[in-house]
Protein backbone atom coordinates (compact mmCIF):
# COMPACT_ATOMS: atom_id res chain seq x y z
CA MET A 1 94.61 77.37 107.34
CA PRO A 2 91.87 76.98 104.64
CA LYS A 3 93.10 77.65 101.11
CA ASP A 4 90.69 80.59 100.74
CA GLU A 5 92.77 82.28 103.43
CA LEU A 6 95.82 82.09 101.02
CA GLN A 7 94.16 83.97 98.23
CA LEU A 8 95.55 87.33 97.71
CA GLY A 9 94.37 90.44 95.95
CA GLU A 10 96.85 92.26 93.63
CA PHE A 11 97.39 95.14 96.13
CA GLU A 12 97.94 92.61 98.96
CA GLN A 13 100.63 90.94 96.85
CA TYR A 14 102.31 94.23 96.25
CA VAL A 15 102.34 95.22 100.02
CA LEU A 16 103.65 91.73 101.05
CA LEU A 17 106.38 91.84 98.42
CA ALA A 18 107.30 95.47 99.37
CA VAL A 19 107.65 94.34 103.05
CA LEU A 20 109.77 91.30 102.08
CA SER A 21 112.07 93.57 100.02
CA LEU A 22 112.46 96.08 102.85
CA GLY A 23 113.27 93.45 105.45
CA LYS A 24 113.51 94.62 109.12
CA GLY A 25 112.97 98.16 108.01
CA ALA A 26 109.37 97.83 106.72
CA TYR A 27 106.92 100.38 108.15
CA GLY A 28 104.21 102.45 106.53
CA ALA A 29 106.13 105.27 104.96
CA SER A 30 108.89 102.86 103.77
CA ILE A 31 106.36 100.43 102.23
CA ARG A 32 104.54 103.43 100.60
CA GLN A 33 107.84 104.74 99.17
CA GLN A 34 108.86 101.21 97.93
CA LEU A 35 105.57 100.84 96.07
CA HIS A 36 105.90 104.32 94.48
CA GLU A 37 109.55 103.49 93.37
CA ALA A 38 109.02 99.93 92.20
CA ILE A 39 105.61 100.12 90.45
CA ALA A 40 104.95 103.80 90.34
CA ARG A 41 101.88 103.47 92.51
CA ASP A 42 100.90 106.21 94.87
CA VAL A 43 98.87 105.13 97.91
CA SER A 44 97.48 106.85 100.87
CA LEU A 45 98.86 105.74 104.24
CA GLY A 46 95.24 105.14 105.31
CA ALA A 47 94.64 102.51 102.35
CA LEU A 48 98.02 101.00 103.10
CA TYR A 49 97.34 100.54 106.79
CA ALA A 50 93.93 99.22 106.19
CA THR A 51 95.46 96.62 103.91
CA ILE A 52 98.17 95.85 106.54
CA GLU A 53 95.44 95.41 109.28
CA ARG A 54 93.45 93.03 106.90
CA LEU A 55 96.79 90.99 106.36
CA GLU A 56 97.51 90.90 110.03
CA LYS A 57 94.00 89.60 110.88
CA ARG A 58 94.57 86.86 108.38
CA GLY A 59 97.94 85.99 109.97
CA LEU A 60 99.95 86.95 106.88
CA VAL A 61 102.03 89.74 108.62
CA ILE A 62 102.75 90.71 112.15
CA SER A 63 103.45 94.17 113.38
CA ASN A 64 105.05 95.71 116.51
CA LEU A 65 105.87 99.23 117.70
CA ASP A 66 109.47 100.23 117.39
CA GLY A 67 110.84 102.72 119.90
CA ALA A 68 109.63 106.40 119.82
CA THR A 69 112.04 108.93 118.76
CA ALA A 70 112.25 112.85 119.23
CA LYS A 71 112.51 112.97 115.39
CA ARG A 72 109.22 111.37 114.92
CA GLY A 73 107.63 113.72 117.63
CA GLY A 74 107.68 110.87 120.17
CA LYS A 75 105.59 108.59 117.99
CA ALA A 76 106.78 104.88 117.56
CA LYS A 77 107.02 103.19 114.16
CA ARG A 78 104.69 100.27 113.42
CA MET A 79 107.20 97.76 112.00
CA ILE A 80 105.79 95.05 109.68
CA GLU A 81 106.96 91.55 108.94
CA VAL A 82 105.68 88.78 106.66
CA THR A 83 104.93 85.54 108.50
CA THR A 84 105.43 82.04 107.29
CA VAL A 85 101.84 81.92 106.32
CA GLY A 86 102.25 85.10 104.35
CA ARG A 87 105.17 83.76 102.43
CA LYS A 88 103.21 80.52 101.57
CA ALA A 89 100.38 82.73 100.29
CA LEU A 90 102.76 84.60 98.09
CA GLN A 91 104.24 81.36 96.73
CA ARG A 92 100.78 80.06 96.04
CA SER A 93 99.68 83.21 94.25
CA ARG A 94 102.87 83.17 92.13
CA GLN A 95 102.26 79.63 91.17
CA GLN A 96 98.66 80.41 90.12
CA LEU A 97 99.72 83.44 88.15
CA THR A 98 102.48 81.50 86.30
CA THR A 99 100.12 78.67 85.44
CA MET A 100 97.51 81.18 84.08
CA TRP A 101 100.34 83.06 82.11
CA ASP A 102 101.57 79.76 80.70
CA LEU A 103 98.06 78.76 79.55
CA ALA A 104 97.39 82.06 78.04
CA GLN A 105 100.73 81.90 76.12
CA LEU A 106 100.05 78.35 75.07
CA ARG A 107 96.59 79.35 73.81
CA SER A 108 97.82 82.49 71.97
CA ILE A 109 100.41 80.23 70.11
CA VAL A 110 97.81 77.62 69.28
CA TYR A 111 95.11 79.97 68.05
CA VAL A 112 97.11 82.48 66.11
């Protein structure tokens, strides 16, 4: 996979991290709740699913439909899982951000 494919936007990082933190129980509403609780960010399910679809097209997540239940009106949940490529993209993003934070701190010490 080209390195460009591993570039992540801020919201994509949040979504991937929320999915990882939820484990096997990650689906739209639970991801949305996790984002609200963890970073006080309210997102629409439409925006969230658009991001998940984009991540899935890039091979960073996979999804499958869980069994439908009467409680959900017969609708199945779309369960989301981060792929190995998605984990690598997150690691790369974290390394890049850490490098930039380290440089910024070094510069602020030198130029103060």
